[in-house]
Amino acid sequence: MKLAVASVIILSLAGCATKTETVFLQDPLPLPDRPNLPLMPSDEMQCLSDEAYEGLAVRDATLIKHVERLEDIIKTTH
């Protein structure tokens, strides 16, 4: 009887001693196509003030950098 009790205690303690580790796996995210931004002919841009033209140039550069950053984040899942 004592042997059975000791065996149950040892087995139950051994079950608690096992270490489990959860590992999350990331499926590769698809890389979406870049949007096709319309090209603006220079003759249509001549009516803009220098400040408006510079604002558009900064906006376009910021948009391109943002798209590149998002693409880099997506590529880390591959």
Protein backbone atom coordinates (compact mmCIF):
# COMPACT_ATOMS: atom_id res chain seq x y z
CA MET A 1 0.00 0.00 0.00
CA LYS A 2 2.78 2.43 0.91
CA LEU A 3 4.52 1.55 -2.34
CA ALA A 4 1.38 2.39 -4.34
CA VAL A 5 0.95 5.75 -2.58
CA ALA A 6 4.61 6.59 -3.08
CA SER A 7 4.35 5.66 -6.78
CA VAL A 8 1.29 7.88 -7.27
CA ILE A 9 3.01 10.81 -5.56
CA ILE A 10 6.19 10.37 -7.61
CA LEU A 11 4.29 10.08 -10.87
CA SER A 12 2.12 13.10 -10.13
CA LEU A 13 5.16 15.21 -9.22
CA ALA A 14 7.01 14.06 -12.33
CA GLY A 15 4.09 15.28 -14.47
CA CYS A 16 4.41 18.76 -13.00
CA ALA A 17 8.11 18.89 -13.69
CA THR A 18 7.76 18.70 -17.46
CA LYS A 19 8.30 21.99 -19.22
CA THR A 20 6.06 22.98 -22.10
CA GLU A 21 6.91 25.79 -24.44
CA THR A 22 4.44 27.49 -26.74
CA VAL A 23 5.86 28.42 -30.12
CA PHE A 24 3.89 30.65 -32.43
CA LEU A 25 4.49 30.15 -36.14
CA GLN A 26 3.92 32.97 -38.60
CA ASP A 27 2.73 32.12 -42.06
CA PRO A 28 4.43 34.22 -44.74
CA LEU A 29 2.27 37.22 -45.54
CA PRO A 30 1.59 37.88 -49.21
CA LEU A 31 3.28 40.94 -50.62
CA PRO A 32 0.56 43.03 -52.28
CA ASP A 33 1.14 44.82 -55.54
CA ARG A 34 2.12 48.44 -55.28
CA PRO A 35 -0.60 50.86 -56.32
CA ASN A 36 -0.16 52.50 -59.70
CA LEU A 37 0.10 56.18 -58.92
CA PRO A 38 -0.99 58.42 -61.77
CA LEU A 39 1.72 60.45 -63.46
CA MET A 40 1.14 64.17 -63.67
CA PRO A 41 2.42 65.90 -66.81
CA SER A 42 4.63 68.89 -66.07
CA ASP A 43 2.40 71.28 -68.04
CA GLU A 44 -0.47 70.48 -65.65
CA MET A 45 1.80 71.22 -62.66
CA GLN A 46 2.88 74.67 -63.87
CA CYS A 47 -0.21 76.33 -62.42
CA LEU A 48 0.78 75.29 -58.91
CA SER A 49 2.65 77.60 -56.60
CA ASP A 50 6.14 76.58 -55.52
CA GLU A 51 4.80 75.73 -52.05
CA ALA A 52 2.04 73.50 -53.47
CA TYR A 53 4.49 71.77 -55.81
CA GLU A 54 6.92 71.15 -52.95
CA GLY A 55 4.06 69.85 -50.79
CA LEU A 56 3.12 67.34 -53.48
CA ALA A 57 6.74 66.24 -53.87
CA VAL A 58 7.10 65.72 -50.11
CA ARG A 59 3.77 63.85 -49.98
CA ASP A 60 4.81 61.53 -52.81
CA ALA A 61 8.22 60.85 -51.25
CA THR A 62 6.58 60.14 -47.87
CA LEU A 63 4.09 57.78 -49.49
CA ILE A 64 6.84 55.87 -51.31
CA LYS A 65 8.93 55.55 -48.13
CA HIS A 66 5.88 54.31 -46.21
CA VAL A 67 5.13 51.67 -48.84
CA GLU A 68 8.77 50.53 -48.75
CA ARG A 69 8.68 50.28 -44.95
CA LEU A 70 5.50 48.19 -45.05
CA GLU A 71 7.03 45.93 -47.69
CA ASP A 72 10.09 45.42 -45.48
CA ILE A 73 7.86 44.46 -42.54
CA ILE A 74 5.96 41.95 -44.69
CA LYS A 75 9.20 40.47 -46.04
CA THR A 76 10.33 39.63 -42.49
CA THR A 77 7.62 36.94 -42.43
CA HIS A 78 9.15 35.11 -45.40
